[in-house]
PDB file of N, CA and C in Angstrom:
ATOM      1  N   MET A   1     -25.905   0.039 -56.622  1.00  0.00           N
ATOM      2  CA  MET A   1     -25.499  -0.956 -55.661  1.00  0.00           C
ATOM      3  C   MET A   1     -24.166  -0.521 -55.052  1.00  0.00           C
ATOM      4  N   ILE A   2     -24.058  -0.588 -53.738  1.00  0.00           N
ATOM      5  CA  ILE A   2     -22.826  -0.236 -53.040  1.00  0.00           C
ATOM      6  C   ILE A   2     -22.025  -1.508 -52.808  1.00  0.00           C
ATOM      7  N   ALA A   3     -20.769  -1.473 -53.221  1.00  0.00           N
ATOM      8  CA  ALA A   3     -19.895  -2.640 -53.018  1.00  0.00           C
ATOM      9  C   ALA A   3     -19.518  -2.733 -51.547  1.00  0.00           C
ATOM     10  N   ARG A   4     -19.624  -3.918 -50.999  1.00  0.00           N
ATOM     11  CA  ARG A   4     -19.245  -4.127 -49.605  1.00  0.00           C
ATOM     12  C   ARG A   4     -17.792  -4.582 -49.552  1.00  0.00           C
ATOM     13  N   PRO A   5     -17.037  -4.136 -48.552  1.00  0.00           N
ATOM     14  CA  PRO A   5     -15.654  -4.585 -48.434  1.00  0.00           C
ATOM     15  C   PRO A   5     -15.610  -6.088 -48.166  1.00  0.00           C
ATOM     16  N   PRO A   6     -14.506  -6.747 -48.525  1.00  0.00           N
ATOM     17  CA  PRO A   6     -14.428  -8.199 -48.349  1.00  0.00           C
ATOM     18  C   PRO A   6     -14.677  -8.650 -46.920  1.00  0.00           C
ATOM     19  N   SER A   7     -14.338  -7.829 -45.950  1.00  0.00           N
ATOM     20  CA  SER A   7     -14.503  -8.235 -44.552  1.00  0.00           C
ATOM     21  C   SER A   7     -15.879  -7.901 -44.007  1.00  0.00           C
ATOM     22  N   GLN A   8     -16.706  -7.234 -44.786  1.00  0.00           N
ATOM     23  CA  GLN A   8     -18.037  -6.789 -44.359  1.00  0.00           C
ATOM     24  C   GLN A   8     -17.965  -6.010 -43.053  1.00  0.00           C
ATOM     25  N   GLY A   9     -16.915  -5.202 -42.924  1.00  0.00           N
ATOM     26  CA  GLY A   9     -16.764  -4.330 -41.765  1.00  0.00           C
ATOM     27  C   GLY A   9     -16.005  -4.930 -40.597  1.00  0.00           C
ATOM     28  N   ARG A  10     -15.590  -6.183 -40.702  1.00  0.00           N
ATOM     29  CA  ARG A  10     -14.861  -6.792 -39.588  1.00  0.00           C
ATOM     30  C   ARG A  10     -13.455  -6.212 -39.459  1.00  0.00           C
ATOM     31  N   ARG A  11     -12.861  -5.791 -40.561  1.00  0.00           N
ATOM     32  CA  ARG A  11     -11.524  -5.197 -40.543  1.00  0.00           C
ATOM     33  C   ARG A  11     -11.655  -3.706 -40.816  1.00  0.00           C
ATOM     34  N   LYS A  12     -10.881  -2.922 -40.103  1.00  0.00           N
ATOM     35  CA  LYS A  12     -10.982  -1.462 -40.210  1.00  0.00           C
ATOM     36  C   LYS A  12      -9.876  -0.843 -41.044  1.00  0.00           C
ATOM     37  N   GLY A  13      -8.817  -1.600 -41.343  1.00  0.00           N
ATOM     38  CA  GLY A  13      -7.730  -1.033 -42.116  1.00  0.00           C
ATOM     39  C   GLY A  13      -6.614  -2.032 -42.329  1.00  0.00           C
ATOM     40  N   ALA A  14      -5.502  -1.519 -42.866  1.00  0.00           N
ATOM     41  CA  ALA A  14      -4.339  -2.364 -43.140  1.00  0.00           C
ATOM     42  C   ALA A  14      -3.076  -1.611 -42.739  1.00  0.00           C
ATOM     43  N   ARG A  15      -2.022  -2.386 -42.465  1.00  0.00           N
ATOM     44  CA  ARG A  15      -0.765  -1.789 -42.043  1.00  0.00           C
ATOM     45  C   ARG A  15       0.387  -2.614 -42.613  1.00  0.00           C
ATOM     46  N   LEU A  16       1.427  -1.923 -43.076  1.00  0.00           N
ATOM     47  CA  LEU A  16       2.639  -2.602 -43.515  1.00  0.00           C
ATOM     48  C   LEU A  16       3.526  -2.820 -42.297  1.00  0.00           C
ATOM     49  N   THR A  17       4.108  -3.999 -42.183  1.00  0.00           N
ATOM     50  CA  THR A  17       5.017  -4.291 -41.084  1.00  0.00           C
ATOM     51  C   THR A  17       6.399  -4.579 -41.642  1.00  0.00           C
ATOM     52  N   SER A  18       7.419  -4.240 -40.891  1.00  0.00           N
ATOM     53  CA  SER A  18       8.785  -4.476 -41.344  1.00  0.00           C
ATOM     54  C   SER A  18       9.560  -5.195 -40.252  1.00  0.00           C
ATOM     55  N   GLY A  19      10.783  -5.548 -40.561  1.00  0.00           N
ATOM     56  CA  GLY A  19      11.633  -6.224 -39.596  1.00  0.00           C
ATOM     57  C   GLY A  19      11.676  -7.721 -39.833  1.00  0.00           C
ATOM     58  N   GLU A  20      12.504  -8.388 -39.069  1.00  0.00           N
ATOM     59  CA  GLU A  20      12.704  -9.817 -39.253  1.00  0.00           C
ATOM     60  C   GLU A  20      11.457 -10.644 -38.950  1.00  0.00           C
ATOM     61  N   ARG A  21      10.606 -10.182 -38.053  1.00  0.00           N
ATOM     62  CA  ARG A  21       9.435 -10.957 -37.639  1.00  0.00           C
ATOM     63  C   ARG A  21       8.161 -10.554 -38.371  1.00  0.00           C
ATOM     64  N   ARG A  22       8.309  -9.870 -39.498  1.00  0.00           N
ATOM     65  CA  ARG A  22       7.130  -9.434 -40.259  1.00  0.00           C
ATOM     66  C   ARG A  22       6.409 -10.647 -40.835  1.00  0.00           C
ATOM     67  N   SER A  23       5.087 -10.520 -40.940  1.00  0.00           N
ATOM     68  CA  SER A  23       4.290 -11.621 -41.487  1.00  0.00           C
ATOM     69  C   SER A  23       2.926 -11.097 -41.910  1.00  0.00           C
ATOM     70  N   VAL A  24       2.168 -11.960 -42.570  1.00  0.00           N
ATOM     71  CA  VAL A  24       0.789 -11.646 -42.945  1.00  0.00           C
ATOM     72  C   VAL A  24      -0.084 -12.078 -41.773  1.00  0.00           C
ATOM     73  N   GLY A  25      -0.990 -11.223 -41.365  1.00  0.00           N
ATOM     74  CA  GLY A  25      -1.864 -11.580 -40.260  1.00  0.00           C
ATOM     75  C   GLY A  25      -2.763 -10.424 -39.875  1.00  0.00           C
ATOM     76  N   VAL A  26      -3.340 -10.516 -38.694  1.00  0.00           N
ATOM     77  CA  VAL A  26      -4.173  -9.453 -38.157  1.00  0.00           C
ATOM     78  C   VAL A  26      -3.680  -9.120 -36.752  1.00  0.00           C
ATOM     79  N   ASN A  27      -4.031  -7.927 -36.273  1.00  0.00           N
ATOM     80  CA  ASN A  27      -3.635  -7.542 -34.928  1.00  0.00           C
ATOM     81  C   ASN A  27      -4.446  -8.329 -33.903  1.00  0.00           C
ATOM     82  N   ALA A  28      -4.136  -8.146 -32.630  1.00  0.00           N
ATOM     83  CA  ALA A  28      -4.789  -8.907 -31.567  1.00  0.00           C
ATOM     84  C   ALA A  28      -6.308  -8.715 -31.559  1.00  0.00           C
ATOM     85  N   GLY A  29      -6.769  -7.530 -31.901  1.00  0.00           N
ATOM     86  CA  GLY A  29      -8.206  -7.275 -31.931  1.00  0.00           C
ATOM     87  C   GLY A  29      -8.883  -7.706 -33.220  1.00  0.00           C
ATOM     88  N   ARG A  30      -8.091  -8.244 -34.149  1.00  0.00           N
ATOM     89  CA  ARG A  30      -8.561  -8.692 -35.461  1.00  0.00           C
ATOM     90  C   ARG A  30      -9.273  -7.579 -36.223  1.00  0.00           C
ATOM     91  N   THR A  31      -8.756  -6.339 -36.081  1.00  0.00           N
ATOM     92  CA  THR A  31      -9.355  -5.209 -36.782  1.00  0.00           C
ATOM     93  C   THR A  31      -8.447  -4.635 -37.867  1.00  0.00           C
ATOM     94  N   ILE A  32      -7.150  -4.888 -37.785  1.00  0.00           N
ATOM     95  CA  ILE A  32      -6.182  -4.369 -38.743  1.00  0.00           C
ATOM     96  C   ILE A  32      -5.456  -5.535 -39.407  1.00  0.00           C
ATOM     97  N   VAL A  33      -5.469  -5.565 -40.730  1.00  0.00           N
ATOM     98  CA  VAL A  33      -4.741  -6.584 -41.487  1.00  0.00           C
ATOM     99  C   VAL A  33      -3.302  -6.107 -41.630  1.00  0.00           C
ATOM    100  N   GLU A  34      -2.342  -6.977 -41.333  1.00  0.00           N
ATOM    101  CA  GLU A  34      -0.930  -6.628 -41.400  1.00  0.00           C
ATOM    102  C   GLU A  34      -0.245  -7.389 -42.531  1.00  0.00           C
ATOM    103  N   PHE A  35       0.589  -6.665 -43.288  1.00  0.00           N
ATOM    104  CA  PHE A  35       1.319  -7.255 -44.407  1.00  0.00           C
ATOM    105  C   PHE A  35       2.783  -6.899 -44.309  1.00  0.00           C
ATOM    106  N   PRO A  36       3.649  -7.860 -44.652  1.00  0.00           N
ATOM    107  CA  PRO A  36       5.081  -7.601 -44.570  1.00  0.00           C
ATOM    108  C   PRO A  36       5.579  -6.692 -45.693  1.00  0.00           C
ATOM    109  N   TYR A  37       6.507  -5.800 -45.328  1.00  0.00           N
ATOM    110  CA  TYR A  37       7.192  -4.981 -46.324  1.00  0.00           C
ATOM    111  C   TYR A  37       8.642  -4.864 -45.920  1.00  0.00           C
ATOM    112  N   PRO A  38       9.580  -5.205 -46.745  1.00  0.00           N
ATOM    113  CA  PRO A  38       9.366  -5.741 -48.080  1.00  0.00           C
ATOM    114  C   PRO A  38       8.760  -7.142 -48.026  1.00  0.00           C
ATOM    115  N   SER A  39       8.261  -7.572 -49.155  1.00  0.00           N
ATOM    116  CA  SER A  39       7.587  -8.859 -49.252  1.00  0.00           C
ATOM    117  C   SER A  39       8.470  -9.990 -48.740  1.00  0.00           C
ATOM    118  N   LEU A  40       7.841 -11.038 -48.211  1.00  0.00           N
ATOM    119  CA  LEU A  40       8.587 -12.193 -47.707  1.00  0.00           C
ATOM    120  C   LEU A  40       9.216 -13.011 -48.822  1.00  0.00           C
ATOM    121  N   ALA A  41       8.603 -13.011 -49.988  1.00  0.00           N
ATOM    122  CA  ALA A  41       9.112 -13.797 -51.117  1.00  0.00           C
ATOM    123  C   ALA A  41       9.479 -12.862 -52.264  1.00  0.00           C
ATOM    124  N   ALA A  42      10.609 -13.137 -52.873  1.00  0.00           N
ATOM    125  CA  ALA A  42      11.068 -12.296 -53.977  1.00  0.00           C
ATOM    126  C   ALA A  42      10.116 -12.339 -55.164  1.00  0.00           C
ATOM    127  N   ASP A  43       9.419 -13.456 -55.338  1.00  0.00           N
ATOM    128  CA  ASP A  43       8.516 -13.604 -56.483  1.00  0.00           C
ATOM    129  C   ASP A  43       7.061 -13.296 -56.133  1.00  0.00           C
ATOM    130  N   SER A  44       6.836 -12.583 -55.054  1.00  0.00           N
ATOM    131  CA  SER A  44       5.484 -12.225 -54.637  1.00  0.00           C
ATOM    132  C   SER A  44       4.839 -11.314 -55.692  1.00  0.00           C
ATOM    133  N   THR A  45       3.549 -11.520 -55.939  1.00  0.00           N
ATOM    134  CA  THR A  45       2.838 -10.761 -56.967  1.00  0.00           C
ATOM    135  C   THR A  45       1.637 -10.046 -56.350  1.00  0.00           C
ATOM    136  N   LEU A  46       0.992  -9.227 -57.152  1.00  0.00           N
ATOM    137  CA  LEU A  46      -0.227  -8.567 -56.712  1.00  0.00           C
ATOM    138  C   LEU A  46      -1.286  -9.612 -56.366  1.00  0.00           C
ATOM    139  N   ARG A  47      -1.321 -10.696 -57.111  1.00  0.00           N
ATOM    140  CA  ARG A  47      -2.278 -11.766 -56.843  1.00  0.00           C
ATOM    141  C   ARG A  47      -2.046 -12.356 -55.439  1.00  0.00           C
ATOM    142  N   THR A  48      -0.782 -12.524 -55.050  1.00  0.00           N
ATOM    143  CA  THR A  48      -0.451 -13.017 -53.715  1.00  0.00           C
ATOM    144  C   THR A  48      -0.991 -12.074 -52.648  1.00  0.00           C
ATOM    145  N   LEU A  49      -0.797 -10.784 -52.865  1.00  0.00           N
ATOM    146  CA  LEU A  49      -1.287  -9.780 -51.928  1.00  0.00           C
ATOM    147  C   LEU A  49      -2.805  -9.822 -51.818  1.00  0.00           C
ATOM    148  N   ILE A  50      -3.478  -9.898 -52.945  1.00  0.00           N
ATOM    149  CA  ILE A  50      -4.943  -9.931 -52.956  1.00  0.00           C
ATOM    150  C   ILE A  50      -5.461 -11.174 -52.227  1.00  0.00           C
ATOM    151  N   CYS A  51      -4.840 -12.316 -52.476  1.00  0.00           N
ATOM    152  CA  CYS A  51      -5.253 -13.551 -51.785  1.00  0.00           C
ATOM    153  C   CYS A  51      -5.021 -13.425 -50.284  1.00  0.00           C
ATOM    154  N   GLY A  52      -3.913 -12.797 -49.905  1.00  0.00           N
ATOM    155  CA  GLY A  52      -3.633 -12.583 -48.485  1.00  0.00           C
ATOM    156  C   GLY A  52      -4.690 -11.718 -47.826  1.00  0.00           C
ATOM    157  N   VAL A  53      -5.090 -10.647 -48.505  1.00  0.00           N
ATOM    158  CA  VAL A  53      -6.148  -9.775 -47.978  1.00  0.00           C
ATOM    159  C   VAL A  53      -7.443 -10.565 -47.815  1.00  0.00           C
ATOM    160  N   ALA A  54      -7.806 -11.332 -48.829  1.00  0.00           N
ATOM    161  CA  ALA A  54      -9.049 -12.107 -48.773  1.00  0.00           C
ATOM    162  C   ALA A  54      -9.038 -13.096 -47.613  1.00  0.00           C
ATOM    163  N   LEU A  55      -7.929 -13.776 -47.419  1.00  0.00           N
ATOM    164  CA  LEU A  55      -7.849 -14.749 -46.329  1.00  0.00           C
ATOM    165  C   LEU A  55      -7.912 -14.076 -44.964  1.00  0.00           C
ATOM    166  N   GLN A  56      -7.277 -12.922 -44.827  1.00  0.00           N
ATOM    167  CA  GLN A  56      -7.292 -12.235 -43.541  1.00  0.00           C
ATOM    168  C   GLN A  56      -8.652 -11.600 -43.245  1.00  0.00           C
ATOM    169  N   CYS A  57      -9.451 -11.358 -44.264  1.00  0.00           N
ATOM    170  CA  CYS A  57     -10.783 -10.771 -44.077  1.00  0.00           C
ATOM    171  C   CYS A  57     -11.875 -11.825 -43.921  1.00  0.00           C
ATOM    172  N   ALA A  58     -11.543 -13.072 -44.120  1.00  0.00           N
ATOM    173  CA  ALA A  58     -12.543 -14.148 -44.082  1.00  0.00           C
ATOM    174  C   ALA A  58     -13.169 -14.292 -42.699  1.00  0.00           C
ATOM    175  N   PRO A  59     -14.453 -14.613 -42.642  1.00  0.00           N
ATOM    176  CA  PRO A  59     -15.124 -14.789 -41.353  1.00  0.00           C
ATOM    177  C   PRO A  59     -14.573 -15.952 -40.545  1.00  0.00           C
ATOM    178  N   SER A  60     -13.850 -16.862 -41.179  1.00  0.00           N
ATOM    179  CA  SER A  60     -13.282 -17.990 -40.434  1.00  0.00           C
ATOM    180  C   SER A  60     -12.278 -17.517 -39.386  1.00  0.00           C
ATOM    181  N   LYS A  61     -11.694 -16.336 -39.561  1.00  0.00           N
ATOM    182  CA  LYS A  61     -10.771 -15.794 -38.550  1.00  0.00           C
ATOM    183  C   LYS A  61     -11.480 -15.673 -37.205  1.00  0.00           C
ATOM    184  N   GLU A  62     -12.698 -15.163 -37.208  1.00  0.00           N
ATOM    185  CA  GLU A  62     -13.431 -15.023 -35.952  1.00  0.00           C
ATOM    186  C   GLU A  62     -13.834 -16.382 -35.387  1.00  0.00           C
ATOM    187  N   LEU A  63     -14.222 -17.289 -36.260  1.00  0.00           N
ATOM    188  CA  LEU A  63     -14.632 -18.617 -35.795  1.00  0.00           C
ATOM    189  C   LEU A  63     -13.484 -19.331 -35.095  1.00  0.00           C
ATOM    190  N   VAL A  64     -12.313 -19.327 -35.708  1.00  0.00           N
ATOM    191  CA  VAL A  64     -11.155 -20.001 -35.122  1.00  0.00           C
ATOM    192  C   VAL A  64     -10.612 -19.199 -33.940  1.00  0.00           C
ATOM    193  N   GLY A  65     -10.652 -17.888 -34.048  1.00  0.00           N
ATOM    194  CA  GLY A  65     -10.132 -17.043 -32.976  1.00  0.00           C
ATOM    195  C   GLY A  65     -10.868 -17.210 -31.664  1.00  0.00           C
ATOM    196  N   ASN A  66     -12.096 -17.654 -31.701  1.00  0.00           N
ATOM    197  CA  ASN A  66     -12.878 -17.849 -30.486  1.00  0.00           C
ATOM    198  C   ASN A  66     -12.719 -19.245 -29.897  1.00  0.00           C
ATOM    199  N   CYS A  67     -11.974 -20.111 -30.565  1.00  0.00           N
ATOM    200  CA  CYS A  67     -11.768 -21.483 -30.085  1.00  0.00           C
ATOM    201  C   CYS A  67     -10.548 -21.552 -29.175  1.00  0.00           C
ATOM    202  N   ARG A  68     -10.612 -22.420 -28.215  1.00  0.00           N
ATOM    203  CA  ARG A  68      -9.446 -22.695 -27.379  1.00  0.00           C
ATOM    204  C   ARG A  68      -8.663 -23.809 -28.060  1.00  0.00           C
ATOM    205  N   LEU A  69      -7.344 -23.675 -28.071  1.00  0.00           N
ATOM    206  CA  LEU A  69      -6.520 -24.638 -28.794  1.00  0.00           C
ATOM    207  C   LEU A  69      -6.773 -26.074 -28.353  1.00  0.00           C
ATOM    208  N   HIS A  70      -6.939 -26.302 -27.071  1.00  0.00           N
ATOM    209  CA  HIS A  70      -7.139 -27.679 -26.607  1.00  0.00           C
ATOM    210  C   HIS A  70      -8.495 -28.246 -27.034  1.00  0.00           C
ATOM    211  N   GLU A  71      -9.411 -27.388 -27.460  1.00  0.00           N
ATOM    212  CA  GLU A  71     -10.717 -27.856 -27.923  1.00  0.00           C
ATOM    213  C   GLU A  71     -10.708 -28.240 -29.405  1.00  0.00           C
ATOM    214  N   LEU A  72      -9.677 -27.825 -30.125  1.00  0.00           N
ATOM    215  CA  LEU A  72      -9.592 -28.150 -31.547  1.00  0.00           C
ATOM    216  C   LEU A  72      -9.131 -29.588 -31.740  1.00  0.00           C
ATOM    217  N   LYS A  73      -9.614 -30.201 -32.787  1.00  0.00           N
ATOM    218  CA  LYS A  73      -9.138 -31.534 -33.146  1.00  0.00           C
ATOM    219  C   LYS A  73      -7.716 -31.407 -33.668  1.00  0.00           C
ATOM    220  N   ARG A  74      -7.001 -32.512 -33.715  1.00  0.00           N
ATOM    221  CA  ARG A  74      -5.604 -32.511 -34.156  1.00  0.00           C
ATOM    222  C   ARG A  74      -5.466 -31.837 -35.517  1.00  0.00           C
ATOM    223  N   ARG A  75      -6.348 -32.146 -36.444  1.00  0.00           N
ATOM    224  CA  ARG A  75      -6.279 -31.567 -37.778  1.00  0.00           C
ATOM    225  C   ARG A  75      -6.356 -30.040 -37.724  1.00  0.00           C
ATOM    226  N   GLY A  76      -7.232 -29.523 -36.883  1.00  0.00           N
ATOM    227  CA  GLY A  76      -7.376 -28.068 -36.730  1.00  0.00           C
ATOM    228  C   GLY A  76      -6.151 -27.430 -36.103  1.00  0.00           C
ATOM    229  N   ARG A  77      -5.529 -28.108 -35.148  1.00  0.00           N
ATOM    230  CA  ARG A  77      -4.335 -27.576 -34.513  1.00  0.00           C
ATOM    231  C   ARG A  77      -3.148 -27.547 -35.464  1.00  0.00           C
ATOM    232  N   CYS A  78      -3.108 -28.452 -36.414  1.00  0.00           N
ATOM    233  CA  CYS A  78      -1.988 -28.535 -37.365  1.00  0.00           C
ATOM    234  C   CYS A  78      -2.173 -27.641 -38.576  1.00  0.00           C
ATOM    235  N   ALA A  79      -3.375 -27.129 -38.786  1.00  0.00           N
ATOM    236  CA  ALA A  79      -3.656 -26.292 -39.977  1.00  0.00           C
ATOM    237  C   ALA A  79      -2.881 -24.998 -39.897  1.00  0.00           C
ATOM    238  N   ARG A  80      -2.506 -24.495 -41.060  1.00  0.00           N
ATOM    239  CA  ARG A  80      -1.785 -23.217 -41.122  1.00  0.00           C
ATOM    240  C   ARG A  80      -2.581 -22.210 -41.882  1.00  0.00           C
TER     241      ARG A  80
END
């Protein structure tokens, strides 16, 4: 059995970002997962990193990314 990546091919790679505006996220094309270096929190763990990767690879990124902000309900607009 071949293990499939968490994104099932939606993400092509990862990149470390630095500077004051570094954050966890994806690029505009939603193909590269970006992670801050050094970490944003002093107590960040490997588990935090793994959870971040999983969230950035989730199919919900595409679902929300295709929505227009004014079409989202208030709850959706306030979600982080």
